[in-house]
Amino acid sequence: MSKEKGFLDQVEAEVKLTPDHRKKIAQILSDNPNRFLDTRDFVSRALDVFLTWEKDPFNSMAKMSEMEPTMKQFQFMKIALNPEKLKEMHPDFPEKWGKEWEEFLIKNPIQMPQSEQSQKQHEARKSKEDFEKIQANIMDANNYLREIKFEGIVDDKLEQIHYDKWPLISTFYSRFFPAKIGVITLAEMMREQKSPIINFEEFRIKAYDIAEEIARKMIPFETEKGKKRSQKKSTGLPKPYDLDEVTGLQSIKEQRYKDRYFGKVTKSKESNEINLDGLLSTLGLVKVFSKNKDTTITLTENGKKFCLFENPVFGGKVDESLSKDESEFITTNCIPQRPVQHQIVKRVIKIVSETDFNKTPDMADDLDEVCRMAIQDMADSNKLGEYAEKIQRDVLDKSKEILKSNKIIDGKILDVKDDEKEVRNLKKMKKQTPVESIRIATMGRLAELGVVHWHINEGGRSEYTIEDKKLAESISK
C-alpha cells in the first residue's frame, strides 16, 4: 500500500464542524446572502484557497483573486498591496462599486497609529491658500535662486546621498509635473528661510501640501469640462483628502506619494549602499545630504534652471501643466541622464512618426515590441554595467515569462468562451508585463510633455501622433 493511500484512508469523507465554526459560517452566509450558495460552497472554496496555499503558494494570490472581494477585504488589500498588484488582481474594483465604495470608506475608516509625519501633514492641510502664497512670492524666490551657485552648495555636517543611476525612469512616476511642484516649493522655502539648504522632511510635507492644493483646483475643472483620461493634467497629483481625522490608509498613501515624487533615502539590500530614490533625483534636480536621522536637501544647477522657467499652473492656468520650455528642458537635459529610458523614447517617437493607423491593428503591441527591443539592445551593449543583469532578469525575462503564462490563459479563455463567469475569472489571472508598464508610463509622460498627442478611439484603444515635431526631432538626435 502506497504512503499516499495510507493517508487517504485517514481522511474522512465527511467532517463535522465545531459549534464555533458553524456559528461563524452562518454569520458570513447571513451577511453575504449572494456570495455563497450554501455551507458546502463556502467550505469548498475555503479548502480550495488553503490547499493552493499549501501546495502551490506562488499561485495562491491568483486563486484568491478568482472570487470578487468584499469591500472590507478590498480595503485591507489597498493597505497591504502595492497599487499595481492590487489592480492586477482585481481590475474592475473599486470602480464597480461606484459611490457605494466611497460611502463605505467614510463609514468604515481604518484607524491606525499616526506617524509624526502624517500628523504634521494633516496640520499643513489645515493651512489654506499656500499655493496662492507661493504664486505671490515666486518672483522673489526666483531672484533669490539666481544669486546662488548650487554646484558649490554642500551640507558640511552631513554626507551627500546620490541617486543609484538606475537607467530607467520608474513606472511609478506617471507624470513630470510633480517635479516642478517640488523645485518651486523648495525655492520658496529657501527664500523664506534665507538658506539654500532645507530640512528634507519639512520640504516633503510642504511639497505634498502644495500638490494637494493644486489637485483641488484641477480635478473639479476637469470634471466640469468632461475631460477624458488622455486629456487630464491632474494625473500624477494626490487625491485631496477632506476627513477630519487621518486614517491609516491615507497616511500610507501620503508616505508613498512623497517617497516616489519628492524623494526617499534608501539602503540597498544587495550592496548596503545608501541611495536617494524619487522623481526629483531621477531627473537630477536635487542633492540630498544625510547622516543618521538628519537629512537636508538643496537644488542642483539643473534644478535651478528648471525652476526658473515660467510654469502655466503657477501662472494661474489649470488646463496645462508644463510650458514648452519646461518640456524641452526635460526631454533634452533630464531624460538623457537615464540611458535606457532615452533609447526607449527615441524609438517610440520614431515608430509613432511612421505609423499609419489604417494599417496598424494594435499600436500598443507595436510599442511594446519597440520598448522591449530598446531595452534588450541596451542590456546587450555592455553600457549598463552592474544593471545589465538586473534589467535582463527583472524586466526582459520576467516579461517573457508573464507573456507565456498569459498566452496559456488566452487558450483557456477560448475553450470556455461561452461561460462568462469563467472567462471573467481567467482574465483576472492575466498579468501586466514590466515592458507593458514601461510603455504605458512612457507614453503618458510623452503626452504630458506635448511630444505626442494621445487619443482614445471609440474602441477604447490608445492612438498616438506626433504633436510637436520640433521637440520630437530634438529627442531623436
Protein backbone atom coordinates (compact mmCIF):
# COMPACT_ATOMS: atom_id res chain seq x y z
CA MET A 1 0.00 0.00 0.00
CA SER A 2 1.40 3.41 -1.00
CA LYS A 3 2.12 6.07 1.60
CA GLU A 4 -0.41 8.39 -0.06
CA LYS A 5 -3.09 5.67 0.03
CA GLY A 6 -2.41 5.17 3.72
CA PHE A 7 -3.00 8.83 4.47
CA LEU A 8 -6.05 8.89 2.20
CA ASP A 9 -7.69 6.24 4.38
CA GLN A 10 -7.24 8.59 7.35
CA VAL A 11 -9.08 11.47 5.65
CA GLU A 12 -12.76 11.30 6.47
CA ALA A 13 -15.22 11.87 3.62
CA GLU A 14 -17.40 13.93 5.93
CA VAL A 15 -16.04 16.25 8.58
CA LYS A 16 -18.17 17.70 11.37
CA LEU A 17 -17.90 21.42 12.05
CA THR A 18 -17.36 22.69 15.57
CA PRO A 19 -20.17 24.81 17.05
CA ASP A 20 -17.94 27.87 16.87
CA HIS A 21 -17.15 27.29 13.17
CA ARG A 22 -20.83 26.72 12.39
CA LYS A 23 -21.74 29.98 14.09
CA LYS A 24 -19.09 31.97 12.21
CA ILE A 25 -20.01 30.46 8.84
CA ALA A 26 -23.70 31.13 9.49
CA GLN A 27 -22.86 34.79 10.20
CA ILE A 28 -20.91 35.08 6.94
CA LEU A 29 -23.73 33.49 4.94
CA SER A 30 -26.22 35.82 6.60
CA ASP A 31 -24.13 38.95 5.94
CA ASN A 32 -23.39 37.94 2.33
CA PRO A 33 -26.52 36.14 1.02
CA ASN A 34 -25.43 36.31 -2.64
CA ARG A 35 -21.78 35.40 -2.10
CA PHE A 36 -22.08 31.66 -1.38
CA LEU A 37 -24.65 29.06 -2.43
CA ASP A 38 -24.64 27.29 0.91
CA THR A 39 -22.37 25.91 3.63
CA ARG A 40 -20.87 23.33 1.29
CA ASP A 41 -19.98 26.02 -1.24
CA PHE A 42 -18.30 28.09 1.49
CA VAL A 43 -16.28 25.16 2.82
CA SER A 44 -15.27 24.04 -0.69
CA ARG A 45 -13.97 27.49 -1.56
CA ALA A 46 -12.15 27.82 1.74
CA LEU A 47 -10.43 24.48 1.17
CA ASP A 48 -9.60 25.39 -2.41
CA VAL A 49 -7.74 28.55 -1.31
CA PHE A 50 -5.96 26.88 1.59
CA LEU A 51 -4.91 23.84 -0.46
CA THR A 52 -3.45 26.14 -3.11
CA TRP A 53 -1.52 27.96 -0.40
CA GLU A 54 -0.17 24.65 0.91
CA LYS A 55 0.65 23.05 -2.45
CA ASP A 56 1.33 25.99 -4.77
CA PRO A 57 1.90 29.19 -2.72
CA PHE A 58 3.13 31.18 -5.75
CA ASN A 59 -0.38 30.93 -7.24
CA SER A 60 -2.30 31.46 -4.01
CA MET A 61 -2.91 35.16 -4.72
CA ALA A 62 -4.26 34.30 -8.17
CA LYS A 63 -6.54 31.71 -6.59
CA MET A 64 -7.88 34.27 -4.11
CA SER A 65 -8.48 36.77 -6.91
CA GLU A 66 -10.81 34.34 -8.70
CA MET A 67 -13.52 35.48 -6.31
CA GLU A 68 -14.73 39.06 -6.16
CA PRO A 69 -13.57 40.79 -2.95
CA THR A 70 -15.84 42.23 -0.32
CA MET A 71 -15.37 45.93 0.42
CA LYS A 72 -13.74 45.09 3.73
CA GLN A 73 -11.29 42.73 2.03
CA PHE A 74 -10.50 45.28 -0.66
CA GLN A 75 -9.94 47.97 1.98
CA PHE A 76 -7.34 45.76 3.65
CA MET A 77 -5.65 44.89 0.34
CA LYS A 78 -5.27 48.60 -0.51
CA ILE A 79 -3.09 48.85 2.59
CA ALA A 80 -1.24 45.56 2.24
CA LEU A 81 -0.53 45.51 -1.52
CA ASN A 82 1.03 47.99 -3.91
CA PRO A 83 -1.50 49.59 -6.31
CA GLU A 84 -0.19 47.78 -9.39
CA LYS A 85 -0.50 44.34 -7.80
CA LEU A 86 -3.99 45.10 -6.49
CA LYS A 87 -5.17 46.32 -9.92
CA GLU A 88 -3.73 43.19 -11.45
CA MET A 89 -5.70 41.01 -9.03
CA HIS A 90 -8.99 42.93 -9.20
CA PRO A 91 -9.00 45.21 -12.30
CA ASP A 92 -12.71 46.10 -12.01
CA PHE A 93 -12.54 47.34 -8.42
CA PRO A 94 -13.28 49.62 -6.66
CA GLU A 95 -14.87 51.32 -9.72
CA LYS A 96 -17.52 48.59 -9.95
CA TRP A 97 -18.97 49.67 -6.60
CA GLY A 98 -19.30 53.33 -7.59
CA LYS A 99 -20.40 55.69 -4.82
CA GLU A 100 -21.13 52.74 -2.55
CA TRP A 101 -17.35 52.32 -2.09
CA GLU A 102 -16.88 55.96 -1.08
CA GLU A 103 -19.73 55.67 1.39
CA PHE A 104 -18.19 52.51 2.84
CA LEU A 105 -14.83 54.23 3.40
CA ILE A 106 -16.49 57.14 5.17
CA LYS A 107 -18.44 54.80 7.45
CA ASN A 108 -15.51 52.42 7.99
CA PRO A 109 -12.27 54.44 8.26
CA ILE A 110 -9.20 52.43 9.18
CA GLN A 111 -7.75 53.74 12.39
CA MET A 112 -4.04 53.11 12.65
CA PRO A 113 -1.44 54.82 14.82
CA GLN A 114 -0.47 58.03 13.09
CA SER A 115 3.17 58.77 12.49
CA GLU A 116 4.57 62.14 13.43
CA GLN A 117 4.88 62.92 9.71
CA SER A 118 1.21 62.17 8.97
CA GLN A 119 0.14 64.40 11.84
CA LYS A 120 2.33 67.22 10.51
CA GLN A 121 0.95 66.66 7.01
CA HIS A 122 -2.58 67.00 8.32
CA GLU A 123 -1.66 70.21 10.13
CA ALA A 124 -0.21 71.59 6.89
CA ARG A 125 -3.50 70.73 5.16
CA LYS A 126 -5.40 72.99 7.58
CA SER A 127 -3.45 75.99 6.31
CA LYS A 128 -5.31 77.28 3.25
CA GLU A 129 -4.07 79.14 0.17
CA ASP A 130 -0.43 78.07 0.50
CA PHE A 131 -0.37 77.68 -3.28
CA GLU A 132 -1.50 81.29 -3.69
CA LYS A 133 1.27 82.42 -1.33
CA ILE A 134 3.86 80.69 -3.49
CA GLN A 135 2.36 82.35 -6.57
CA ALA A 136 2.66 85.75 -4.91
CA ASN A 137 6.30 85.18 -3.91
CA ILE A 138 7.53 83.35 -7.00
CA MET A 139 9.40 86.37 -8.45
CA ASP A 140 11.25 86.96 -5.17
CA ALA A 141 12.04 83.26 -4.85
CA ASN A 142 13.47 83.19 -8.37
CA ASN A 143 15.58 86.27 -7.67
CA TYR A 144 16.93 84.52 -4.58
CA LEU A 145 17.85 81.45 -6.65
CA ARG A 146 19.67 83.49 -9.30
CA GLU A 147 22.21 84.61 -6.71
CA ILE A 148 23.15 81.05 -5.70
CA LYS A 149 25.70 78.79 -7.40
CA PHE A 150 24.38 75.40 -6.42
CA GLU A 151 27.35 73.34 -7.60
CA GLY A 152 29.19 74.65 -4.54
CA ILE A 153 26.37 74.11 -2.04
CA VAL A 154 27.03 71.29 0.43
CA ASP A 155 25.94 70.46 3.96
CA ASP A 156 29.27 70.02 5.77
CA LYS A 157 27.63 68.30 8.73
CA LEU A 158 26.19 65.50 6.59
CA GLU A 159 27.17 63.18 3.73
CA GLN A 160 25.79 63.56 0.21
CA ILE A 161 23.44 60.79 -0.88
CA HIS A 162 23.36 60.02 -4.61
CA TYR A 163 20.81 58.54 -6.98
CA ASP A 164 21.73 54.92 -7.74
CA LYS A 165 21.87 55.63 -11.52
CA TRP A 166 19.18 53.12 -12.44
CA PRO A 167 18.96 53.68 -16.24
CA LEU A 168 15.17 53.76 -16.46
CA ILE A 169 12.63 56.28 -15.18
CA SER A 170 10.44 54.27 -12.81
CA THR A 171 6.91 53.47 -13.93
CA PHE A 172 5.78 54.75 -10.52
CA TYR A 173 6.47 58.30 -11.77
CA SER A 174 3.44 58.64 -14.05
CA ARG A 175 4.00 62.36 -14.79
CA PHE A 176 6.73 65.02 -14.61
CA PHE A 177 4.67 67.95 -13.29
CA PRO A 178 5.14 66.97 -9.60
CA ALA A 179 8.86 67.62 -10.14
CA LYS A 180 8.01 71.23 -10.98
CA ILE A 181 5.94 71.48 -7.81
CA GLY A 182 8.94 70.14 -5.91
CA VAL A 183 11.53 72.60 -7.18
CA ILE A 184 9.24 75.63 -6.85
CA THR A 185 8.30 74.64 -3.30
CA LEU A 186 11.96 74.20 -2.46
CA ALA A 187 12.79 77.63 -3.91
CA GLU A 188 10.05 79.27 -1.84
CA MET A 189 11.32 77.59 1.34
CA MET A 190 14.85 78.82 0.55
CA ARG A 191 13.57 82.37 0.07
CA GLU A 192 11.56 82.22 3.27
CA GLN A 193 14.36 80.72 5.38
CA LYS A 194 17.15 82.65 3.64
CA SER A 195 19.07 79.39 3.22
CA PRO A 196 19.85 77.18 0.19
CA ILE A 197 19.74 74.08 2.42
CA ILE A 198 16.34 72.90 3.67
CA ASN A 199 15.19 70.18 6.08
CA PHE A 200 14.23 67.23 3.89
CA GLU A 201 11.10 66.12 5.77
CA GLU A 202 9.79 69.68 6.06
CA PHE A 203 10.22 70.02 2.30
CA ARG A 204 8.33 66.78 1.62
CA ILE A 205 5.41 67.89 3.78
CA LYS A 206 5.25 71.32 2.15
CA ALA A 207 5.55 69.96 -1.40
CA TYR A 208 2.77 67.41 -0.81
CA ASP A 209 0.55 70.15 0.61
CA ILE A 210 1.06 72.30 -2.50
CA ALA A 211 0.44 69.32 -4.80
CA GLU A 212 -2.82 68.60 -2.98
CA GLU A 213 -3.96 72.22 -3.21
CA ILE A 214 -3.29 72.22 -6.96
CA ALA A 215 -5.27 68.99 -7.30
CA ARG A 216 -8.21 70.73 -5.59
CA LYS A 217 -8.21 73.24 -8.46
CA MET A 218 -7.50 70.91 -11.37
CA ILE A 219 -9.79 67.96 -10.64
CA PRO A 220 -13.08 69.95 -10.37
CA PHE A 221 -12.18 71.83 -13.57
CA GLU A 222 -11.55 68.58 -15.45
CA THR A 223 -14.75 67.05 -14.10
CA GLU A 224 -16.80 70.07 -15.13
CA LYS A 225 -15.28 70.09 -18.62
CA GLY A 226 -15.71 66.33 -19.04
CA LYS A 227 -12.03 65.78 -19.74
CA LYS A 228 -11.09 62.29 -20.90
CA ARG A 229 -8.34 60.26 -19.26
CA SER A 230 -5.93 61.17 -22.05
CA GLN A 231 -6.64 64.90 -21.51
CA LYS A 232 -6.30 65.14 -17.75
CA LYS A 233 -3.41 67.17 -16.33
CA SER A 234 -4.18 66.16 -12.75
CA THR A 235 -2.77 62.66 -13.34
CA GLY A 236 0.19 62.27 -11.00
CA LEU A 237 -1.27 64.54 -8.31
CA PRO A 238 -2.51 63.24 -4.94
CA LYS A 239 -6.23 62.91 -4.38
CA PRO A 240 -7.39 65.67 -1.99
CA TYR A 241 -8.28 64.48 1.49
CA ASP A 242 -11.17 66.04 3.39
CA LEU A 243 -11.83 63.97 6.52
CA ASP A 244 -11.18 65.49 9.95
CA GLU A 245 -9.06 62.55 11.08
CA VAL A 246 -6.23 60.91 9.12
CA THR A 247 -6.87 57.22 8.56
CA GLY A 248 -4.09 54.66 8.37
CA LEU A 249 -4.80 54.19 4.68
CA GLN A 250 -4.45 57.92 3.97
CA SER A 251 -1.20 58.04 5.93
CA ILE A 252 0.21 55.23 3.79
CA LYS A 253 -0.90 56.96 0.57
CA GLU A 254 0.77 60.21 1.59
CA GLN A 255 4.01 58.46 2.53
CA ARG A 256 4.09 56.52 -0.73
CA TYR A 257 3.47 59.64 -2.81
CA LYS A 258 6.17 61.68 -1.07
CA ASP A 259 8.66 58.80 -1.38
CA ARG A 260 8.05 58.42 -5.09
CA TYR A 261 7.91 62.01 -6.23
CA PHE A 262 9.85 64.10 -3.70
CA GLY A 263 12.42 61.56 -2.54
CA LYS A 264 13.36 58.85 -0.09
CA VAL A 265 16.71 57.81 1.34
CA THR A 266 17.06 54.04 0.94
CA LYS A 267 19.57 51.32 1.69
CA SER A 268 20.33 48.70 -0.95
CA LYS A 269 19.71 45.12 0.20
CA GLU A 270 22.39 43.87 -2.18
CA SER A 271 25.24 46.33 -1.61
CA ASN A 272 24.21 48.12 1.64
CA GLU A 273 24.79 51.42 -0.18
CA ILE A 274 22.70 54.43 0.84
CA ASN A 275 20.89 55.95 -2.15
CA LEU A 276 18.31 58.58 -2.98
CA ASP A 277 15.16 57.44 -4.78
CA GLY A 278 12.35 59.51 -6.27
CA LEU A 279 11.47 61.54 -9.35
CA LEU A 280 13.47 64.63 -8.37
CA SER A 281 16.71 62.67 -8.01
CA THR A 282 15.97 60.57 -11.12
CA LEU A 283 15.82 63.78 -13.16
CA GLY A 284 18.95 65.18 -11.48
CA LEU A 285 17.19 68.20 -9.99
CA VAL A 286 18.19 67.93 -6.32
CA LYS A 287 21.03 66.99 -3.98
CA VAL A 288 20.38 65.40 -0.60
CA PHE A 289 22.67 65.11 2.42
CA SER A 290 22.08 62.66 5.24
CA LYS A 291 23.62 61.15 8.34
CA ASN A 292 21.84 59.09 10.96
CA LYS A 293 18.37 60.66 11.17
CA ASP A 294 19.30 64.11 9.86
CA THR A 295 18.59 64.80 6.17
CA THR A 296 18.67 68.02 4.16
CA ILE A 297 18.01 68.94 0.53
CA THR A 298 19.05 71.57 -1.99
CA LEU A 299 18.83 72.09 -5.75
CA THR A 300 21.37 71.19 -8.41
CA GLU A 301 22.21 73.67 -11.16
CA ASN A 302 19.79 71.80 -13.41
CA GLY A 303 17.17 72.03 -10.68
CA LYS A 304 17.71 75.79 -10.55
CA LYS A 305 17.37 76.12 -14.34
CA PHE A 306 14.19 74.04 -14.38
CA CYS A 307 12.72 76.06 -11.51
CA LEU A 308 13.31 79.40 -13.24
CA PHE A 309 11.17 78.53 -16.28
CA GLU A 310 7.69 80.03 -16.11
CA ASN A 311 5.01 77.44 -15.43
CA PRO A 312 1.38 77.70 -16.63
CA VAL A 313 -0.15 76.28 -13.43
CA PHE A 314 1.75 78.63 -11.14
CA GLY A 315 0.81 81.35 -13.62
CA GLY A 316 -2.89 80.69 -13.00
CA LYS A 317 -3.90 78.07 -15.59
CA VAL A 318 -5.36 74.66 -14.77
CA ASP A 319 -5.59 73.12 -18.24
CA GLU A 320 -1.85 73.00 -18.96
CA SER A 321 0.79 71.53 -16.64
CA LEU A 322 4.14 72.27 -18.35
CA SER A 323 5.37 75.04 -20.63
CA LYS A 324 7.21 74.34 -23.88
CA ASP A 325 10.46 75.49 -22.27
CA GLU A 326 9.97 73.06 -19.39
CA SER A 327 9.10 70.21 -21.74
CA GLU A 328 12.16 70.88 -23.87
CA PHE A 329 14.38 71.02 -20.78
CA ILE A 330 13.12 67.65 -19.54
CA THR A 331 13.48 65.98 -22.94
CA THR A 332 16.96 67.32 -23.68
CA ASN A 333 18.54 67.55 -20.20
CA CYS A 334 16.80 65.10 -17.88
CA ILE A 335 15.66 62.06 -19.86
CA PRO A 336 19.12 61.54 -21.48
CA GLN A 337 20.56 61.01 -17.96
CA ARG A 338 18.70 57.66 -17.93
CA PRO A 339 20.20 55.90 -21.00
CA VAL A 340 17.73 53.02 -21.36
CA GLN A 341 14.76 55.37 -20.99
CA HIS A 342 16.35 57.69 -23.55
CA GLN A 343 16.64 54.87 -26.08
CA ILE A 344 13.04 53.84 -25.48
CA VAL A 345 11.80 57.40 -26.04
CA LYS A 346 13.82 57.81 -29.24
CA ARG A 347 12.47 54.60 -30.74
CA VAL A 348 8.92 55.26 -29.62
CA ILE A 349 8.98 58.65 -31.33
CA LYS A 350 10.30 57.02 -34.49
CA ILE A 351 7.51 54.43 -34.70
CA VAL A 352 4.81 56.99 -33.85
CA SER A 353 6.15 59.22 -36.64
CA GLU A 354 5.95 56.36 -39.12
CA THR A 355 2.69 54.71 -38.05
CA ASP A 356 -0.31 54.66 -40.34
CA PHE A 357 -3.38 53.98 -38.20
CA ASN A 358 -5.19 52.46 -41.18
CA LYS A 359 -2.54 49.74 -41.37
CA THR A 360 -1.65 49.14 -37.74
CA PRO A 361 -4.18 46.86 -35.98
CA ASP A 362 -2.87 47.39 -32.46
CA MET A 363 -0.39 50.17 -31.76
CA ALA A 364 0.12 49.01 -28.17
CA ASP A 365 1.64 45.73 -29.38
CA ASP A 366 3.99 47.58 -31.72
CA LEU A 367 5.04 49.97 -28.98
CA ASP A 368 5.62 47.10 -26.56
CA GLU A 369 7.94 45.46 -29.08
CA VAL A 370 9.81 48.71 -29.66
CA CYS A 371 10.28 49.16 -25.91
CA ARG A 372 11.40 45.55 -25.50
CA MET A 373 13.95 45.81 -28.31
CA ALA A 374 15.34 49.09 -26.99
CA ILE A 375 15.80 47.56 -23.54
CA GLN A 376 17.27 44.33 -24.95
CA ASP A 377 19.76 46.18 -27.16
CA MET A 378 20.92 48.26 -24.21
CA ALA A 379 21.20 45.18 -21.99
CA ASP A 380 23.37 43.51 -24.66
CA SER A 381 25.53 46.59 -25.32
CA ASN A 382 27.85 46.40 -22.27
CA LYS A 383 26.85 50.00 -21.49
CA LEU A 384 24.81 49.26 -18.37
CA GLY A 385 27.47 47.71 -16.17
CA GLU A 386 26.03 46.24 -12.98
CA TYR A 387 22.45 46.94 -14.08
CA ALA A 388 22.50 44.80 -17.23
CA GLU A 389 21.84 41.57 -15.36
CA LYS A 390 19.08 43.10 -13.23
CA ILE A 391 17.30 44.57 -16.26
CA GLN A 392 17.58 41.26 -18.09
CA ARG A 393 16.13 39.37 -15.12
CA ASP A 394 13.53 41.78 -13.74
CA VAL A 395 12.30 43.38 -16.97
CA LEU A 396 13.00 41.22 -20.01
CA ASP A 397 12.92 37.68 -18.63
CA LYS A 398 10.01 38.50 -16.34
CA SER A 399 8.03 39.93 -19.26
CA LYS A 400 8.73 36.84 -21.34
CA GLU A 401 7.59 34.59 -18.50
CA ILE A 402 4.35 36.54 -17.98
CA LEU A 403 3.58 36.63 -21.71
CA LYS A 404 3.95 32.86 -21.86
CA SER A 405 1.56 32.47 -18.93
CA ASN A 406 -0.92 34.94 -20.46
CA LYS A 407 -0.88 33.02 -23.73
CA ILE A 408 -1.86 29.82 -21.90
CA ILE A 409 -4.70 31.70 -20.20
CA ASP A 410 -5.86 33.05 -23.59
CA GLY A 411 -6.10 29.47 -24.80
CA LYS A 412 -8.21 28.50 -21.81
CA ILE A 413 -10.47 31.51 -22.43
CA LEU A 414 -11.17 30.26 -25.95
CA ASP A 415 -12.10 26.85 -24.55
CA VAL A 416 -14.72 28.35 -22.20
CA LYS A 417 -15.75 31.39 -24.25
CA ASP A 418 -19.47 30.73 -23.63
CA ASP A 419 -19.05 30.74 -19.83
CA GLU A 420 -18.96 34.46 -18.98
CA LYS A 421 -18.11 33.92 -15.32
CA GLU A 422 -15.18 31.62 -16.08
CA VAL A 423 -13.93 33.96 -18.81
CA ARG A 424 -14.01 36.82 -16.32
CA ASN A 425 -12.11 34.78 -13.73
CA LEU A 426 -9.48 33.74 -16.27
CA LYS A 427 -8.97 37.32 -17.46
CA LYS A 428 -8.27 38.33 -13.87
CA MET A 429 -5.37 35.87 -13.86
CA LYS A 430 -3.60 37.65 -16.73
CA LYS A 431 -0.79 39.94 -15.64
CA GLN A 432 0.76 43.11 -16.98
CA THR A 433 4.39 42.67 -18.03
CA PRO A 434 7.16 45.04 -16.90
CA VAL A 435 7.59 46.07 -20.56
CA GLU A 436 3.90 46.97 -20.80
CA SER A 437 4.19 49.05 -17.62
CA ILE A 438 7.18 50.89 -19.09
CA ARG A 439 5.30 51.56 -22.34
CA ILE A 440 2.21 52.90 -20.55
CA ALA A 441 4.24 55.22 -18.31
CA THR A 442 6.44 56.40 -21.19
CA MET A 443 3.50 57.30 -23.45
CA GLY A 444 1.67 59.10 -20.65
CA ARG A 445 4.72 61.24 -19.92
CA LEU A 446 5.35 61.98 -23.62
CA ALA A 447 1.74 63.13 -23.93
CA GLU A 448 2.22 65.36 -20.88
CA LEU A 449 5.33 66.88 -22.45
CA GLY A 450 3.39 67.63 -25.63
CA VAL A 451 5.70 65.46 -27.74
CA VAL A 452 2.83 63.17 -28.77
CA HIS A 453 -0.92 63.58 -28.93
CA TRP A 454 -2.81 60.85 -27.10
CA HIS A 455 -6.23 59.89 -28.38
CA ILE A 456 -8.50 57.11 -27.12
CA ASN A 457 -10.60 55.83 -30.02
CA GLU A 458 -14.18 54.54 -29.95
CA GLY A 459 -12.92 51.01 -29.30
CA GLY A 460 -11.11 52.18 -26.16
CA ARG A 461 -7.64 51.77 -27.69
CA SER A 462 -4.94 54.42 -27.40
CA GLU A 463 -3.62 56.04 -30.56
CA TYR A 464 -0.69 58.45 -30.79
CA THR A 465 0.53 61.03 -33.27
CA ILE A 466 3.42 63.48 -33.10
CA GLU A 467 2.19 66.76 -31.64
CA ASP A 468 5.40 68.83 -31.53
CA LYS A 469 7.61 67.84 -34.46
CA LYS A 470 10.46 70.15 -33.42
CA LEU A 471 10.53 68.74 -29.90
CA ALA A 472 10.32 65.18 -31.22
CA GLU A 473 13.25 65.79 -33.53
CA SER A 474 15.34 67.27 -30.71
CA ILE A 475 14.94 63.99 -28.78
CA SER A 476 15.71 61.81 -31.78
CA LYS A 477 19.11 63.40 -32.45
